């Protein structure tokens, strides 16, 4: 018999550009705590809007990668960053985020609002020393060195 998980429906979001171990860790840790995990993958338009840069990997490919992860039950497009609207749409018991967001005023507000609806924000350990931005920097450096040889 399968063990009872803490939450029925979990939700997390991300760009998931240049998928790496940090992404996998968040998904695995989230799924360990919920029976059904919904993952919002940011659309290219949303990433352009708030990061002012286009993802390296197009949305459809990032979505396909995330869908193939065994910890993920459902992938949905994240077209805005409104977590309360996402809650109303997906009715999750817990929203999982990296602990690098803990204390951020945006998430403190979201925590209060979700609590009123019987849901909560669960902070998961952020994987240190890995990010898509770091990977892009390393690749840029290698590419420049290669061109100079």
N, C-alpha and C. Protein backbone atom coordinates (compact mmCIF):
# COMPACT_ATOMS: atom_id res chain seq x y z
N UNK A 1 0.84 -1.19 0.00
CA UNK A 1 0.00 0.00 0.00
C UNK A 1 0.89 1.26 0.00
N UNK A 2 0.54 2.20 -0.86
CA UNK A 2 1.32 3.43 -0.97
C UNK A 2 1.12 4.30 0.28
N UNK A 3 2.21 4.96 0.66
CA UNK A 3 2.13 5.83 1.83
C UNK A 3 1.25 7.05 1.55
N UNK A 4 0.63 7.55 2.59
CA UNK A 4 -0.21 8.75 2.47
C UNK A 4 0.71 9.98 2.37
N UNK A 5 0.50 10.79 1.35
CA UNK A 5 1.31 12.00 1.20
C UNK A 5 0.65 13.15 1.93
N UNK A 6 1.45 14.14 2.25
CA UNK A 6 1.00 15.29 3.04
C UNK A 6 -0.09 16.11 2.31
N UNK A 7 0.05 16.22 0.98
CA UNK A 7 -0.88 17.04 0.19
C UNK A 7 -1.46 16.21 -0.96
N UNK A 8 -2.67 16.56 -1.33
CA UNK A 8 -3.31 15.88 -2.46
C UNK A 8 -2.78 16.46 -3.78
N UNK A 9 -2.96 17.78 -3.96
CA UNK A 9 -2.53 18.44 -5.20
C UNK A 9 -1.46 19.47 -4.89
N UNK A 10 -0.34 19.35 -5.58
CA UNK A 10 0.76 20.30 -5.45
C UNK A 10 0.93 21.08 -6.74
N UNK A 11 1.53 22.25 -6.62
CA UNK A 11 1.71 23.14 -7.79
C UNK A 11 3.06 23.81 -7.67
N UNK A 12 3.77 23.88 -8.76
CA UNK A 12 5.02 24.65 -8.81
C UNK A 12 5.16 25.22 -10.20
N UNK A 13 5.99 26.22 -10.33
CA UNK A 13 6.18 26.85 -11.64
C UNK A 13 7.67 27.11 -11.88
N UNK A 14 8.00 27.36 -13.13
CA UNK A 14 9.35 27.72 -13.47
C UNK A 14 9.48 27.94 -14.96
N UNK A 15 10.62 28.47 -15.34
CA UNK A 15 10.93 28.63 -16.76
C UNK A 15 11.44 27.28 -17.29
N UNK A 16 12.25 26.61 -16.49
CA UNK A 16 12.84 25.31 -16.85
C UNK A 16 13.65 25.41 -18.14
N UNK A 17 14.36 26.52 -18.28
CA UNK A 17 15.22 26.71 -19.45
C UNK A 17 16.53 25.99 -19.19
N UNK A 18 17.03 25.29 -20.17
CA UNK A 18 18.26 24.51 -20.03
C UNK A 18 18.15 23.63 -18.77
N UNK A 19 17.24 22.70 -18.81
CA UNK A 19 16.88 21.86 -17.65
C UNK A 19 18.13 21.29 -16.97
N UNK A 20 18.20 21.43 -15.65
CA UNK A 20 19.37 20.98 -14.89
C UNK A 20 18.96 20.32 -13.58
N UNK A 21 19.91 19.86 -12.82
CA UNK A 21 19.66 19.10 -11.58
C UNK A 21 18.85 19.90 -10.55
N UNK A 22 19.01 21.20 -10.52
CA UNK A 22 18.23 22.03 -9.61
C UNK A 22 16.74 21.92 -9.92
N UNK A 23 16.41 21.95 -11.21
CA UNK A 23 15.01 21.78 -11.62
C UNK A 23 14.49 20.41 -11.19
N UNK A 24 15.28 19.38 -11.45
CA UNK A 24 14.87 18.02 -11.10
C UNK A 24 14.67 17.88 -9.59
N UNK A 25 15.56 18.48 -8.81
CA UNK A 25 15.45 18.41 -7.35
C UNK A 25 14.14 19.01 -6.84
N UNK A 26 13.76 20.16 -7.37
CA UNK A 26 12.51 20.81 -6.96
C UNK A 26 11.32 19.91 -7.29
N UNK A 27 11.30 19.36 -8.51
CA UNK A 27 10.18 18.52 -8.92
C UNK A 27 10.09 17.25 -8.08
N UNK A 28 11.25 16.65 -7.81
CA UNK A 28 11.29 15.42 -7.01
C UNK A 28 10.81 15.69 -5.58
N UNK A 29 11.34 16.75 -4.98
CA UNK A 29 10.97 17.08 -3.60
C UNK A 29 9.50 17.46 -3.49
N UNK A 30 8.99 18.13 -4.50
CA UNK A 30 7.56 18.50 -4.49
C UNK A 30 6.71 17.23 -4.58
N UNK A 31 7.05 16.34 -5.49
CA UNK A 31 6.26 15.12 -5.69
C UNK A 31 6.31 14.20 -4.47
N UNK A 32 7.40 14.26 -3.71
CA UNK A 32 7.50 13.46 -2.48
C UNK A 32 6.42 13.86 -1.48
N UNK A 33 5.90 15.09 -1.61
CA UNK A 33 4.94 15.60 -0.64
C UNK A 33 3.49 15.65 -1.13
N UNK A 34 3.28 15.34 -2.43
CA UNK A 34 1.90 15.41 -2.94
C UNK A 34 1.59 14.23 -3.85
N UNK A 35 0.30 13.92 -3.91
CA UNK A 35 -0.14 12.81 -4.74
C UNK A 35 -0.15 13.18 -6.23
N UNK A 36 -0.48 14.43 -6.53
CA UNK A 36 -0.62 14.88 -7.92
C UNK A 36 0.11 16.21 -8.05
N UNK A 37 1.08 16.29 -8.96
CA UNK A 37 1.89 17.50 -9.12
C UNK A 37 1.61 18.17 -10.46
N UNK A 38 1.13 19.41 -10.36
CA UNK A 38 0.90 20.26 -11.54
C UNK A 38 2.08 21.22 -11.65
N UNK A 39 2.66 21.31 -12.84
CA UNK A 39 3.80 22.20 -13.06
C UNK A 39 3.46 23.23 -14.12
N UNK A 40 3.56 24.50 -13.74
CA UNK A 40 3.37 25.60 -14.69
C UNK A 40 4.70 25.93 -15.33
N UNK A 41 4.77 25.83 -16.64
CA UNK A 41 5.99 26.20 -17.38
C UNK A 41 5.74 27.57 -18.00
N UNK A 42 6.61 28.52 -17.68
CA UNK A 42 6.46 29.89 -18.18
C UNK A 42 6.54 29.93 -19.70
N UNK A 43 5.59 30.65 -20.29
CA UNK A 43 5.61 30.82 -21.74
C UNK A 43 6.76 31.76 -22.12
N UNK A 44 7.16 31.71 -23.38
CA UNK A 44 8.22 32.59 -23.87
C UNK A 44 7.84 34.06 -23.66
N UNK A 45 6.55 34.37 -23.89
CA UNK A 45 6.08 35.75 -23.75
C UNK A 45 6.20 36.23 -22.30
N UNK A 46 5.84 35.37 -21.36
CA UNK A 46 5.94 35.75 -19.94
C UNK A 46 7.40 35.98 -19.55
N UNK A 47 8.29 35.11 -20.00
CA UNK A 47 9.71 35.26 -19.67
C UNK A 47 10.23 36.59 -20.24
N UNK A 48 9.85 36.90 -21.48
CA UNK A 48 10.27 38.17 -22.09
C UNK A 48 9.75 39.35 -21.26
N UNK A 49 8.51 39.23 -20.78
CA UNK A 49 7.87 40.30 -20.03
C UNK A 49 8.60 40.61 -18.73
N UNK A 50 8.99 39.57 -17.95
CA UNK A 50 9.56 39.88 -16.64
C UNK A 50 11.06 39.69 -16.53
N UNK A 51 11.67 39.00 -17.50
CA UNK A 51 13.13 38.87 -17.46
C UNK A 51 13.81 39.66 -18.58
N UNK A 52 13.02 40.20 -19.46
CA UNK A 52 13.50 40.95 -20.62
C UNK A 52 14.52 40.16 -21.46
N UNK A 53 14.32 38.84 -21.51
CA UNK A 53 15.15 38.01 -22.39
C UNK A 53 14.39 36.77 -22.78
N UNK A 54 14.72 36.28 -23.94
CA UNK A 54 14.04 35.11 -24.48
C UNK A 54 14.73 33.86 -23.94
N UNK A 55 13.94 32.84 -23.57
CA UNK A 55 14.58 31.59 -23.14
C UNK A 55 15.41 30.97 -24.27
N UNK A 56 16.44 30.24 -23.91
CA UNK A 56 17.27 29.55 -24.90
C UNK A 56 16.44 28.46 -25.58
N UNK A 57 15.68 27.73 -24.79
CA UNK A 57 14.85 26.63 -25.28
C UNK A 57 13.42 27.14 -25.43
N UNK A 58 12.79 26.97 -26.62
CA UNK A 58 11.42 27.44 -26.81
C UNK A 58 10.42 26.73 -25.88
N UNK A 59 9.31 27.42 -25.61
CA UNK A 59 8.29 26.92 -24.68
C UNK A 59 7.88 25.48 -24.96
N UNK A 60 7.49 25.16 -26.17
CA UNK A 60 6.99 23.81 -26.48
C UNK A 60 8.01 22.73 -26.14
N UNK A 61 9.29 23.01 -26.37
CA UNK A 61 10.34 22.04 -26.03
C UNK A 61 10.53 21.93 -24.52
N UNK A 62 10.49 23.07 -23.82
CA UNK A 62 10.61 23.04 -22.35
C UNK A 62 9.43 22.28 -21.75
N UNK A 63 8.24 22.51 -22.29
CA UNK A 63 7.03 21.82 -21.83
C UNK A 63 7.19 20.31 -22.03
N UNK A 64 7.67 19.89 -23.19
CA UNK A 64 7.86 18.46 -23.49
C UNK A 64 8.87 17.83 -22.54
N UNK A 65 9.95 18.56 -22.23
CA UNK A 65 10.96 18.05 -21.30
C UNK A 65 10.33 17.83 -19.92
N UNK A 66 9.62 18.84 -19.42
CA UNK A 66 9.02 18.75 -18.09
C UNK A 66 7.96 17.64 -18.05
N UNK A 67 7.18 17.50 -19.12
CA UNK A 67 6.17 16.44 -19.18
C UNK A 67 6.80 15.04 -19.09
N UNK A 68 8.03 14.92 -19.53
CA UNK A 68 8.68 13.61 -19.54
C UNK A 68 9.26 13.21 -18.19
N UNK A 69 9.26 14.12 -17.22
CA UNK A 69 9.80 13.83 -15.89
C UNK A 69 8.78 13.00 -15.11
N UNK A 70 9.22 11.90 -14.54
CA UNK A 70 8.28 10.99 -13.87
C UNK A 70 7.59 11.58 -12.64
N UNK A 71 8.14 12.62 -12.08
CA UNK A 71 7.53 13.23 -10.89
C UNK A 71 6.36 14.15 -11.23
N UNK A 72 6.22 14.47 -12.51
CA UNK A 72 5.24 15.45 -12.97
C UNK A 72 3.98 14.75 -13.49
N UNK A 73 2.82 15.16 -12.97
CA UNK A 73 1.56 14.57 -13.41
C UNK A 73 0.88 15.38 -14.50
N UNK A 74 1.08 16.70 -14.47
CA UNK A 74 0.41 17.56 -15.45
C UNK A 74 1.25 18.82 -15.66
N UNK A 75 1.34 19.25 -16.92
CA UNK A 75 2.05 20.50 -17.23
C UNK A 75 1.04 21.47 -17.81
N UNK A 76 1.08 22.70 -17.31
CA UNK A 76 0.19 23.76 -17.78
C UNK A 76 1.03 24.98 -18.15
N UNK A 77 0.55 25.80 -19.10
CA UNK A 77 1.31 27.02 -19.41
C UNK A 77 1.16 28.04 -18.30
N UNK A 78 2.26 28.68 -17.92
CA UNK A 78 2.19 29.80 -16.98
C UNK A 78 2.25 31.07 -17.82
N UNK A 79 1.10 31.75 -17.95
CA UNK A 79 1.03 32.94 -18.80
C UNK A 79 1.13 34.24 -18.01
N UNK A 80 1.01 34.13 -16.67
CA UNK A 80 1.23 35.28 -15.79
C UNK A 80 1.75 34.76 -14.46
N UNK A 81 2.12 35.66 -13.57
CA UNK A 81 2.73 35.25 -12.31
C UNK A 81 1.75 35.35 -11.14
N UNK A 82 0.46 35.42 -11.43
CA UNK A 82 -0.56 35.56 -10.40
C UNK A 82 -0.84 34.21 -9.75
N UNK A 83 -0.25 33.97 -8.59
CA UNK A 83 -0.37 32.67 -7.90
C UNK A 83 -1.77 32.45 -7.33
N UNK A 84 -2.48 33.52 -7.00
CA UNK A 84 -3.83 33.37 -6.46
C UNK A 84 -4.78 32.93 -7.57
N UNK A 85 -4.63 33.50 -8.76
CA UNK A 85 -5.44 33.06 -9.90
C UNK A 85 -5.14 31.60 -10.22
N UNK A 86 -3.87 31.22 -10.12
CA UNK A 86 -3.49 29.81 -10.36
C UNK A 86 -4.16 28.91 -9.33
N UNK A 87 -4.20 29.36 -8.09
CA UNK A 87 -4.87 28.58 -7.04
C UNK A 87 -6.35 28.39 -7.37
N UNK A 88 -7.01 29.48 -7.79
CA UNK A 88 -8.43 29.40 -8.12
C UNK A 88 -8.67 28.42 -9.27
N UNK A 89 -7.75 28.38 -10.20
CA UNK A 89 -7.88 27.51 -11.37
C UNK A 89 -7.56 26.05 -11.07
N UNK A 90 -6.50 25.80 -10.30
CA UNK A 90 -6.01 24.43 -10.10
C UNK A 90 -6.32 23.83 -8.74
N UNK A 91 -6.81 24.65 -7.80
CA UNK A 91 -7.24 24.17 -6.47
C UNK A 91 -6.19 23.31 -5.76
N UNK A 92 -4.94 23.76 -5.74
CA UNK A 92 -3.86 23.01 -5.10
C UNK A 92 -3.85 23.21 -3.59
N UNK A 93 -3.39 22.17 -2.88
CA UNK A 93 -3.26 22.24 -1.42
C UNK A 93 -1.95 22.91 -1.01
N UNK A 94 -0.96 22.82 -1.90
CA UNK A 94 0.36 23.38 -1.59
C UNK A 94 1.02 23.88 -2.86
N UNK A 95 1.68 25.03 -2.74
CA UNK A 95 2.49 25.56 -3.83
C UNK A 95 3.95 25.45 -3.40
N UNK A 96 4.74 24.78 -4.21
CA UNK A 96 6.14 24.57 -3.89
C UNK A 96 7.02 25.60 -4.60
N UNK A 97 7.91 26.23 -3.82
CA UNK A 97 8.85 27.21 -4.36
C UNK A 97 10.22 27.01 -3.73
N UNK A 98 11.25 27.45 -4.44
CA UNK A 98 12.60 27.38 -3.90
C UNK A 98 12.73 28.30 -2.70
N UNK A 99 13.53 27.89 -1.71
CA UNK A 99 13.66 28.70 -0.49
C UNK A 99 14.43 30.00 -0.72
N UNK A 100 14.93 30.20 -1.94
CA UNK A 100 15.55 31.49 -2.27
C UNK A 100 14.48 32.60 -2.33
N UNK A 101 13.20 32.23 -2.38
CA UNK A 101 12.11 33.20 -2.39
C UNK A 101 11.57 33.50 -1.00
N UNK A 102 12.02 32.75 0.00
CA UNK A 102 11.50 32.93 1.37
C UNK A 102 11.81 34.36 1.85
N UNK A 103 10.80 35.01 2.39
CA UNK A 103 10.98 36.38 2.87
C UNK A 103 10.70 37.44 1.81
N UNK A 104 10.53 37.03 0.55
CA UNK A 104 10.20 37.97 -0.51
C UNK A 104 8.79 38.52 -0.25
N UNK A 105 8.62 39.85 -0.29
CA UNK A 105 7.30 40.43 0.01
C UNK A 105 6.17 39.84 -0.85
N UNK A 106 6.45 39.55 -2.11
CA UNK A 106 5.45 38.95 -2.99
C UNK A 106 4.95 37.63 -2.43
N UNK A 107 5.88 36.78 -1.99
CA UNK A 107 5.48 35.48 -1.48
C UNK A 107 4.88 35.54 -0.08
N UNK A 108 5.28 36.53 0.70
CA UNK A 108 4.65 36.69 2.02
C UNK A 108 3.16 37.00 1.84
N UNK A 109 2.85 37.82 0.85
CA UNK A 109 1.46 38.15 0.55
C UNK A 109 0.71 36.92 0.03
N UNK A 110 1.34 36.17 -0.85
CA UNK A 110 0.74 34.95 -1.41
C UNK A 110 0.48 33.94 -0.28
N UNK A 111 1.46 33.80 0.64
CA UNK A 111 1.29 32.87 1.78
C UNK A 111 0.02 33.20 2.55
N UNK A 112 -0.16 34.48 2.89
CA UNK A 112 -1.33 34.91 3.66
C UNK A 112 -2.63 34.61 2.91
N UNK A 113 -2.64 34.92 1.63
CA UNK A 113 -3.84 34.72 0.81
C UNK A 113 -4.17 33.23 0.67
N UNK A 114 -3.16 32.41 0.40
CA UNK A 114 -3.40 30.97 0.25
C UNK A 114 -3.88 30.35 1.56
N UNK A 115 -3.30 30.79 2.68
CA UNK A 115 -3.70 30.29 4.00
C UNK A 115 -5.20 30.51 4.24
N UNK A 116 -5.69 31.65 3.81
CA UNK A 116 -7.12 31.96 3.97
C UNK A 116 -7.99 30.95 3.22
N UNK A 117 -7.42 30.33 2.18
CA UNK A 117 -8.17 29.37 1.36
C UNK A 117 -7.81 27.92 1.70
N UNK A 118 -7.05 27.72 2.78
CA UNK A 118 -6.70 26.36 3.19
C UNK A 118 -5.56 25.74 2.42
N UNK A 119 -4.80 26.57 1.72
CA UNK A 119 -3.63 26.09 0.98
C UNK A 119 -2.39 26.72 1.61
N UNK A 120 -1.21 26.27 1.20
CA UNK A 120 -0.01 26.87 1.78
C UNK A 120 1.15 26.89 0.80
N UNK A 121 2.13 27.72 1.13
CA UNK A 121 3.39 27.78 0.38
C UNK A 121 4.39 26.91 1.11
N UNK A 122 5.02 26.00 0.38
CA UNK A 122 6.05 25.13 0.96
C UNK A 122 7.38 25.48 0.28
N UNK A 123 8.35 25.89 1.09
CA UNK A 123 9.66 26.25 0.55
C UNK A 123 10.56 25.02 0.53
N UNK A 124 11.16 24.78 -0.63
CA UNK A 124 12.05 23.64 -0.81
C UNK A 124 13.49 24.14 -0.96
N UNK A 125 14.47 23.34 -0.52
CA UNK A 125 15.86 23.78 -0.62
C UNK A 125 16.27 24.08 -2.06
N UNK A 126 16.84 25.25 -2.25
CA UNK A 126 17.35 25.67 -3.55
C UNK A 126 18.69 24.98 -3.77
N UNK A 127 18.89 24.40 -4.94
CA UNK A 127 20.16 23.73 -5.24
C UNK A 127 21.22 24.79 -5.53
N UNK A 128 22.23 24.83 -4.71
CA UNK A 128 23.29 25.83 -4.83
C UNK A 128 24.19 25.55 -6.05
N UNK A 129 24.79 26.61 -6.55
CA UNK A 129 25.80 26.54 -7.60
C UNK A 129 25.32 25.99 -8.93
N UNK A 130 24.01 26.07 -9.20
CA UNK A 130 23.53 25.69 -10.53
C UNK A 130 22.30 26.53 -10.86
N UNK A 131 22.32 27.08 -12.06
CA UNK A 131 21.16 27.82 -12.57
C UNK A 131 21.31 27.90 -14.08
N UNK A 132 20.20 28.15 -14.75
CA UNK A 132 20.25 28.29 -16.20
C UNK A 132 21.11 29.49 -16.58
N UNK A 133 21.04 30.56 -15.78
CA UNK A 133 21.84 31.76 -16.05
C UNK A 133 23.33 31.42 -15.97
N UNK A 134 23.71 30.67 -14.93
CA UNK A 134 25.10 30.25 -14.79
C UNK A 134 25.53 29.39 -15.98
N UNK A 135 24.67 28.45 -16.37
CA UNK A 135 24.98 27.59 -17.53
C UNK A 135 25.18 28.43 -18.79
N UNK A 136 24.32 29.43 -18.99
CA UNK A 136 24.45 30.30 -20.17
C UNK A 136 25.78 31.03 -20.15
N UNK A 137 26.19 31.53 -18.98
CA UNK A 137 27.46 32.24 -18.86
C UNK A 137 28.63 31.32 -19.21
N UNK A 138 28.62 30.11 -18.70
CA UNK A 138 29.68 29.14 -18.97
C UNK A 138 29.72 28.82 -20.46
N UNK A 139 28.55 28.59 -21.06
CA UNK A 139 28.50 28.28 -22.49
C UNK A 139 28.99 29.47 -23.32
N UNK A 140 28.60 30.69 -22.95
CA UNK A 140 29.07 31.89 -23.66
C UNK A 140 30.59 31.98 -23.61
N UNK A 141 31.15 31.74 -22.42
CA UNK A 141 32.59 31.80 -22.22
C UNK A 141 33.29 30.74 -23.08
N UNK A 142 32.79 29.52 -23.06
CA UNK A 142 33.39 28.45 -23.87
C UNK A 142 33.30 28.76 -25.36
N UNK A 143 32.16 29.32 -25.77
CA UNK A 143 31.96 29.66 -27.17
C UNK A 143 32.96 30.74 -27.61
N UNK A 144 33.16 31.76 -26.76
CA UNK A 144 34.10 32.84 -27.08
C UNK A 144 35.54 32.32 -27.13
N UNK A 145 35.89 31.44 -26.17
CA UNK A 145 37.23 30.86 -26.17
C UNK A 145 37.45 30.03 -27.43
N UNK A 146 36.46 29.27 -27.82
CA UNK A 146 36.54 28.42 -29.00
C UNK A 146 36.72 29.27 -30.26
N UNK A 147 36.04 30.41 -30.36
CA UNK A 147 36.14 31.31 -31.52
C UNK A 147 37.53 31.94 -31.59
N UNK A 148 38.17 32.12 -30.43
CA UNK A 148 39.47 32.79 -30.40
C UNK A 148 40.63 31.83 -30.69
N UNK A 149 40.37 30.53 -30.71
CA UNK A 149 41.44 29.55 -30.98
C UNK A 149 41.77 29.46 -32.45
